[in-house]
Amino acid sequence: MTNQPPAPEPAAAAELPIDSTEITGTDAQLPSTEKPRTAKRITLRSDLRASWLDGLVALLVTAAVFVLLYIRIRNKTSSTVSVMPFMADVGGFWMYFLSQAFGWSALFWAWGTVVLGLLLSGSRPRWLRISGPRLERLHRTTSLNTIALIFAHALFFGAELFRHDTAAWNSALATAFVETFVPGGYTSGTGQIAIPIGQAALYLAIPLGLLFYVRHRFGPRTWRVLHRFVIVVYVLSVWHTLLYGTNVWYDGWFRTSIWLLQLPIAALLLVRLLRPARRSEKLPLSPGAAPSRTGWGLRLAGRLAVVGVMVALVVVVVSGSDGGRTVPPDDTSSTHNHD
């Protein structure tokens, strides 16, 4: 058993960019003053150029999180030190703390992108003053930056593993790559389950996000089906964080706040299902009014499931029973190292 840091914490998922005119039909609901006079083709290159400001904000947030993590580790007030006492050497593991910082900013950006996506794909509330095209452009840029943050998160984690490996450079590089990017490559403790969950979120998020730019090749209907899997990516990333994130390893307000952040997502998803922008996605009052009784039943079950999730989230937040481990005693000289 080697004293290696755990795999990336929040392999945050990137929500898909949405073309409101082709996917959600929201453009048809906008006032005529908001409709563009000419259709401008959206390309990956144009969105990359437009994402620089959002990317700069993401880097500043990452830097702030890194400073916070560094100070907490140095002062030994972070759960990470309780889980892995050897991490108290802040100078020796700064790459791992930077990986953590990128992971948290990636999770924050994924959360915001999911919120924007749900606002776009349903009936937008009247209090939302931002126009549909601007909301959509922001959604696309945050999506691209989320993917970049995830990649940086994994890259710095792999670099940390490589730096502390005493084997030859080529062997160390291969080991770091396998443990970081290959499912099943990390075989220690809880990571045997948690790390593949994070990798699944990463490997689904990247293609689902970039397929938006070639959606014309397989049609809007297929695109809409693929788009719905993004919420699964987000759930996987949050699950990975709660299961393996050393910052939220133990019970407490920090871990509970992660659960609390999921309430807006569940509420917006429920609104999206109850008030969809597309008429074909609405749930008739009786199954006899629907084209298919099976489809009507599945849609009703989906809405009830989201309600159940919201109730469960409220119970978790109010009770404080959020699945964390019990805080250890002050004497942590044993081995709280993810095993």
Protein backbone atom coordinates (compact mmCIF):
# COMPACT_ATOMS: atom_id res chain seq x y z
CA MET A 1 0.00 0.00 0.00
CA THR A 2 1.65 3.26 -1.11
CA ASN A 3 0.88 6.71 0.24
CA GLN A 4 -0.54 8.09 -2.96
CA PRO A 5 -3.18 10.79 -3.03
CA PRO A 6 -6.65 9.70 -4.08
CA ALA A 7 -8.01 10.11 -7.56
CA PRO A 8 -9.61 13.37 -8.65
CA GLU A 9 -12.43 14.41 -6.33
CA PRO A 10 -15.17 16.08 -8.26
CA ALA A 11 -14.85 14.86 -11.83
CA ALA A 12 -17.42 17.35 -12.66
CA ALA A 13 -19.60 16.86 -15.61
CA ALA A 14 -20.00 19.39 -18.39
CA GLU A 15 -23.57 20.13 -19.34
CA LEU A 16 -24.30 20.15 -23.04
CA PRO A 17 -24.54 23.37 -24.95
CA ILE A 18 -28.06 23.82 -26.26
CA ASP A 19 -29.26 25.39 -29.47
CA SER A 20 -32.61 26.80 -28.40
CA THR A 21 -33.99 27.09 -31.92
CA GLU A 22 -33.27 23.48 -32.77
CA ILE A 23 -33.62 21.64 -29.48
CA THR A 24 -35.94 23.37 -27.09
CA GLY A 25 -38.05 25.61 -29.22
CA THR A 26 -37.46 28.47 -26.83
CA ASP A 27 -36.65 30.89 -29.60
CA ALA A 28 -40.22 30.62 -30.82
CA GLN A 29 -41.38 31.91 -27.44
CA LEU A 30 -39.16 35.00 -27.44
CA PRO A 31 -40.51 38.44 -28.25
CA SER A 32 -39.90 39.51 -31.80
CA THR A 33 -37.37 42.09 -30.61
CA GLU A 34 -35.14 39.26 -29.33
CA LYS A 35 -35.10 37.23 -32.52
CA PRO A 36 -32.01 37.69 -34.64
CA ARG A 37 -32.63 38.96 -38.13
CA THR A 38 -30.12 36.60 -39.66
CA ALA A 39 -29.20 33.11 -38.54
CA LYS A 40 -25.55 32.93 -37.54
CA ARG A 41 -23.96 29.52 -37.59
CA ILE A 42 -22.57 28.44 -34.23
CA THR A 43 -19.17 26.77 -34.43
CA LEU A 44 -16.73 25.40 -31.89
CA ARG A 45 -14.16 27.99 -32.95
CA SER A 46 -16.51 30.92 -32.40
CA ASP A 47 -17.59 29.61 -29.01
CA LEU A 48 -13.96 29.08 -27.95
CA ARG A 49 -13.22 32.70 -28.83
CA ALA A 50 -16.27 33.85 -26.88
CA SER A 51 -15.41 31.80 -23.79
CA TRP A 52 -12.26 33.66 -22.74
CA LEU A 53 -13.94 35.93 -20.18
CA ASP A 54 -15.82 33.06 -18.53
CA GLY A 55 -12.59 31.06 -18.59
CA LEU A 56 -10.69 33.88 -16.90
CA VAL A 57 -13.30 34.02 -14.13
CA ALA A 58 -13.00 30.23 -13.74
CA LEU A 59 -9.22 30.50 -13.34
CA LEU A 60 -9.61 33.25 -10.72
CA VAL A 61 -12.09 31.10 -8.80
CA THR A 62 -9.69 28.15 -9.05
CA ALA A 63 -6.86 30.29 -7.68
CA ALA A 64 -9.04 31.43 -4.77
CA VAL A 65 -10.04 27.84 -3.97
CA PHE A 66 -6.38 26.77 -4.14
CA VAL A 67 -5.38 29.45 -1.63
CA LEU A 68 -8.23 28.41 0.68
CA LEU A 69 -7.26 24.73 0.48
CA TYR A 70 -3.58 25.57 1.00
CA ILE A 71 -4.30 27.61 4.12
CA ARG A 72 -6.62 24.96 5.57
CA ILE A 73 -4.03 22.24 4.97
CA ARG A 74 -1.25 24.34 6.50
CA ASN A 75 -3.40 25.10 9.55
CA LYS A 76 -4.47 21.43 9.72
CA THR A 77 -8.15 22.36 9.70
CA SER A 78 -8.97 20.42 6.51
CA SER A 79 -10.45 16.95 6.52
CA THR A 80 -7.81 16.01 3.96
CA VAL A 81 -5.17 16.01 6.71
CA SER A 82 -7.31 13.70 8.84
CA VAL A 83 -7.83 11.32 5.93
CA MET A 84 -4.17 11.40 4.84
CA PRO A 85 -1.85 12.85 7.54
CA PHE A 86 1.13 12.89 5.17
CA MET A 87 -0.67 15.60 3.16
CA ALA A 88 0.23 18.11 5.88
CA ASP A 89 3.38 18.72 3.81
CA VAL A 90 1.87 21.57 1.78
CA GLY A 91 5.03 22.15 -0.21
CA GLY A 92 5.36 18.52 -1.18
CA PHE A 93 1.80 18.04 -2.46
CA TRP A 94 0.91 21.42 -3.98
CA MET A 95 0.03 19.78 -7.30
CA TYR A 96 -2.57 17.64 -5.58
CA PHE A 97 -4.10 20.70 -3.91
CA LEU A 98 -4.16 22.44 -7.28
CA SER A 99 -5.90 19.39 -8.73
CA GLN A 100 -8.46 19.66 -5.93
CA ALA A 101 -8.98 23.34 -6.71
CA PHE A 102 -9.60 22.63 -10.40
CA GLY A 103 -11.97 19.85 -9.40
CA TRP A 104 -14.06 22.13 -7.20
CA SER A 105 -14.23 24.90 -9.80
CA ALA A 106 -15.20 22.30 -12.40
CA LEU A 107 -18.03 21.13 -10.15
CA PHE A 108 -19.19 24.72 -9.61
CA TRP A 109 -19.14 25.41 -13.36
CA ALA A 110 -20.96 22.17 -14.11
CA TRP A 111 -23.63 23.13 -11.58
CA GLY A 112 -24.10 26.52 -13.22
CA THR A 113 -24.16 25.02 -16.70
CA VAL A 114 -26.83 22.50 -15.70
CA VAL A 115 -28.93 25.32 -14.24
CA LEU A 116 -28.58 27.32 -17.47
CA GLY A 117 -29.47 24.26 -19.53
CA LEU A 118 -32.64 23.60 -17.54
CA LEU A 119 -33.67 27.25 -17.83
CA LEU A 120 -33.18 27.07 -21.58
CA SER A 121 -34.94 23.77 -22.19
CA GLY A 122 -38.11 24.68 -20.30
CA SER A 123 -40.46 27.63 -20.09
CA ARG A 124 -38.22 30.42 -18.87
CA PRO A 125 -39.49 32.35 -15.83
CA ARG A 126 -40.57 35.95 -16.35
CA TRP A 127 -38.15 37.26 -13.73
CA LEU A 128 -35.22 36.11 -15.85
CA ARG A 129 -34.26 39.32 -17.67
CA ILE A 130 -31.45 37.93 -19.82
CA SER A 131 -32.46 37.23 -23.42
CA GLY A 132 -32.66 33.73 -24.84
CA PRO A 133 -29.68 34.05 -27.24
CA ARG A 134 -27.44 35.50 -24.53
CA LEU A 135 -28.47 32.80 -22.07
CA GLU A 136 -27.74 30.16 -24.67
CA ARG A 137 -24.32 31.62 -25.50
CA LEU A 138 -23.41 31.72 -21.79
CA HIS A 139 -24.55 28.12 -21.49
CA ARG A 140 -22.25 27.04 -24.31
CA THR A 141 -19.20 28.90 -23.00
CA THR A 142 -19.60 27.57 -19.45
CA SER A 143 -19.94 24.10 -20.92
CA LEU A 144 -16.63 24.38 -22.78
CA ASN A 145 -14.88 25.81 -19.75
CA THR A 146 -16.25 23.00 -17.58
CA ILE A 147 -14.62 20.46 -19.89
CA ALA A 148 -11.33 22.39 -19.70
CA LEU A 149 -11.50 22.52 -15.90
CA ILE A 150 -12.14 18.77 -15.70
CA PHE A 151 -9.16 18.07 -17.92
CA ALA A 152 -6.90 20.33 -15.84
CA HIS A 153 -8.17 18.61 -12.70
CA ALA A 154 -7.21 15.17 -14.02
CA LEU A 155 -3.96 16.42 -15.56
CA PHE A 156 -2.59 17.86 -12.30
CA PHE A 157 -3.62 14.75 -10.41
CA GLY A 158 -1.69 12.60 -12.89
CA ALA A 159 1.28 14.99 -12.65
CA GLU A 160 1.26 14.61 -8.87
CA LEU A 161 1.35 10.82 -9.17
CA PHE A 162 4.18 11.03 -11.70
CA ARG A 163 6.22 13.42 -9.53
CA HIS A 164 6.12 11.15 -6.47
CA ASP A 165 6.79 7.89 -8.32
CA THR A 166 10.37 6.70 -7.78
CA ALA A 167 10.40 4.38 -10.79
CA ALA A 168 11.97 5.24 -14.13
CA TRP A 169 10.27 8.17 -15.87
CA ASN A 170 8.63 6.06 -18.58
CA SER A 171 7.29 3.54 -16.05
CA ALA A 172 6.11 6.34 -13.74
CA LEU A 173 4.36 8.09 -16.62
CA ALA A 174 2.57 4.90 -17.65
CA THR A 175 1.48 4.20 -14.07
CA ALA A 176 0.18 7.74 -13.59
CA PHE A 177 -1.76 7.57 -16.84
CA VAL A 178 -3.36 4.22 -15.97
CA GLU A 179 -4.33 5.27 -12.45
CA THR A 180 -5.75 8.59 -13.64
CA PHE A 181 -7.49 7.75 -16.91
CA VAL A 182 -8.03 3.97 -17.18
CA PRO A 183 -11.10 2.52 -15.42
CA GLY A 184 -9.96 -0.07 -12.91
CA GLY A 185 -6.41 1.24 -12.95
CA TYR A 186 -6.63 2.58 -9.40
CA THR A 187 -7.07 -0.40 -7.08
CA SER A 188 -6.82 1.06 -3.59
CA GLY A 189 -9.71 1.10 -1.10
CA THR A 190 -12.80 3.17 -1.85
CA GLY A 191 -11.24 4.31 -5.10
CA GLN A 192 -12.06 0.99 -6.71
CA ILE A 193 -15.67 2.21 -6.92
CA ALA A 194 -15.41 5.99 -6.68
CA ILE A 195 -12.76 6.55 -9.31
CA PRO A 196 -14.51 4.66 -12.15
CA ILE A 197 -17.64 6.69 -11.34
CA GLY A 198 -15.68 9.90 -11.83
CA GLN A 199 -14.05 8.56 -14.99
CA ALA A 200 -17.46 7.63 -16.39
CA ALA A 201 -18.64 11.20 -15.79
CA LEU A 202 -15.56 12.58 -17.54
CA TYR A 203 -15.71 10.28 -20.56
CA LEU A 204 -19.42 10.91 -21.08
CA ALA A 205 -19.23 14.66 -20.55
CA ILE A 206 -16.61 15.40 -23.19
CA PRO A 207 -18.27 13.74 -26.22
CA LEU A 208 -21.77 14.78 -25.21
CA GLY A 209 -20.61 18.37 -24.93
CA LEU A 210 -18.71 18.48 -28.22
CA LEU A 211 -21.30 16.55 -30.25
CA PHE A 212 -23.41 19.71 -30.19
CA TYR A 213 -21.20 21.17 -32.91
CA VAL A 214 -21.85 18.28 -35.31
CA ARG A 215 -25.51 17.74 -34.41
CA HIS A 216 -26.57 18.46 -37.99
CA ARG A 217 -24.98 15.17 -39.03
CA PHE A 218 -27.39 12.99 -37.03
CA GLY A 219 -30.46 15.19 -36.65
CA PRO A 220 -32.19 17.09 -33.84
CA ARG A 221 -34.20 14.12 -32.57
CA THR A 222 -31.09 12.02 -31.90
CA TRP A 223 -29.45 15.05 -30.39
CA ARG A 224 -32.31 15.55 -27.93
CA VAL A 225 -32.04 11.91 -26.84
CA LEU A 226 -28.30 12.25 -26.26
CA HIS A 227 -28.78 15.57 -24.49
CA ARG A 228 -30.95 13.99 -21.78
CA PHE A 229 -28.02 11.87 -20.61
CA VAL A 230 -26.22 14.96 -19.35
CA ILE A 231 -28.13 14.91 -16.08
CA VAL A 232 -26.74 11.39 -15.57
CA VAL A 233 -23.23 12.76 -16.04
CA TYR A 234 -23.87 15.41 -13.42
CA VAL A 235 -25.26 12.90 -10.94
CA LEU A 236 -22.19 10.70 -11.43
CA SER A 237 -19.85 13.60 -10.77
CA VAL A 238 -21.62 14.64 -7.56
CA TRP A 239 -21.76 11.01 -6.42
CA HIS A 240 -18.03 10.68 -7.03
CA THR A 241 -17.37 13.83 -5.01
CA LEU A 242 -19.45 12.74 -2.03
CA LEU A 243 -17.99 9.24 -2.11
CA TYR A 244 -14.32 10.11 -2.43
CA GLY A 245 -13.71 13.82 -1.87
CA THR A 246 -11.40 14.24 1.10
CA ASN A 247 -12.72 17.76 1.70
CA VAL A 248 -16.20 16.32 2.31
CA TRP A 249 -15.06 13.02 3.80
CA TYR A 250 -16.71 13.52 7.20
CA ASP A 251 -20.11 14.67 8.43
CA GLY A 252 -20.54 18.40 8.73
CA TRP A 253 -21.83 21.59 7.13
CA PHE A 254 -19.39 21.44 4.21
CA ARG A 255 -20.62 18.04 3.10
CA THR A 256 -24.26 18.96 3.77
CA SER A 257 -23.86 22.08 1.60
CA ILE A 258 -23.08 19.83 -1.39
CA TRP A 259 -26.43 18.12 -0.87
CA LEU A 260 -28.10 21.50 -0.45
CA LEU A 261 -26.79 22.67 -3.83
CA GLN A 262 -28.68 19.84 -5.50
CA LEU A 263 -32.09 21.20 -4.44
CA PRO A 264 -32.17 23.95 -7.11
CA ILE A 265 -31.20 21.38 -9.75
CA ALA A 266 -34.01 19.05 -8.71
CA ALA A 267 -36.52 21.92 -8.54
CA LEU A 268 -35.61 23.20 -12.00
CA LEU A 269 -35.75 19.67 -13.40
CA LEU A 270 -39.24 19.24 -11.96
CA VAL A 271 -40.36 22.56 -13.47
CA ARG A 272 -38.80 21.46 -16.76
CA LEU A 273 -40.86 18.25 -16.69
CA LEU A 274 -44.10 19.91 -15.58
CA ARG A 275 -43.83 22.86 -17.97
CA PRO A 276 -41.81 21.71 -20.98
CA ALA A 277 -41.22 24.14 -23.83
CA ARG A 278 -42.24 21.53 -26.40
CA ARG A 279 -45.93 20.74 -26.58
CA SER A 280 -45.20 17.10 -27.43
CA GLU A 281 -43.45 16.64 -24.06
CA LYS A 282 -46.41 17.75 -21.94
CA LEU A 283 -48.18 15.18 -19.79
CA PRO A 284 -51.93 14.90 -20.55
CA LEU A 285 -54.28 14.67 -17.57
CA SER A 286 -55.29 11.13 -18.47
CA PRO A 287 -53.44 8.29 -20.24
CA GLY A 288 -56.26 8.07 -22.77
CA ALA A 289 -55.31 11.48 -24.14
CA ALA A 290 -51.72 10.39 -24.83
CA PRO A 291 -50.53 8.59 -27.99
CA SER A 292 -49.11 5.78 -25.85
CA ARG A 293 -50.15 4.59 -22.40
CA THR A 294 -46.61 3.32 -21.83
CA GLY A 295 -45.13 6.71 -22.67
CA TRP A 296 -47.64 8.45 -20.42
CA GLY A 297 -46.76 6.12 -17.56
CA LEU A 298 -43.02 6.65 -18.01
CA ARG A 299 -43.41 10.43 -18.04
CA LEU A 300 -45.54 10.34 -14.91
CA ALA A 301 -43.02 8.05 -13.21
CA GLY A 302 -40.23 10.46 -14.11
CA ARG A 303 -42.04 13.38 -12.53
CA LEU A 304 -42.80 11.39 -9.38
CA ALA A 305 -39.18 10.26 -9.17
CA VAL A 306 -37.95 13.86 -9.23
CA VAL A 307 -40.43 14.73 -6.46
CA GLY A 308 -39.07 11.80 -4.45
CA VAL A 309 -35.51 13.03 -4.98
CA MET A 310 -36.47 16.49 -3.75
CA VAL A 311 -38.04 15.05 -0.61
CA ALA A 312 -34.94 12.92 0.02
CA LEU A 313 -32.67 15.95 -0.40
CA VAL A 314 -34.69 17.96 2.09
CA VAL A 315 -34.57 15.10 4.61
CA VAL A 316 -30.78 14.79 4.19
CA VAL A 317 -30.18 18.52 4.62
CA VAL A 318 -32.52 18.93 7.61
CA SER A 319 -31.38 15.79 9.43
CA GLY A 320 -27.68 16.18 8.67
CA SER A 321 -27.47 12.46 7.88
CA ASP A 322 -25.63 12.90 4.60
CA GLY A 323 -23.66 9.67 4.34
CA GLY A 324 -20.40 11.07 5.67
CA ARG A 325 -18.06 9.27 8.00
CA THR A 326 -17.76 10.05 11.69
CA VAL A 327 -15.10 12.62 12.48
CA PRO A 328 -12.09 10.78 13.97
CA PRO A 329 -10.52 11.66 17.32
CA ASP A 330 -7.75 14.25 17.50
CA ASP A 331 -5.18 11.48 17.41
CA THR A 332 -5.06 10.60 13.71
CA SER A 333 -1.65 9.00 13.75
CA SER A 334 -3.12 5.76 12.38
CA THR A 335 -4.14 5.31 8.76
CA HIS A 336 -7.14 7.29 7.54
CA ASN A 337 -5.97 7.04 3.95
CA HIS A 338 -9.02 6.02 1.89
CA ASP A 339 -8.61 2.41 2.94
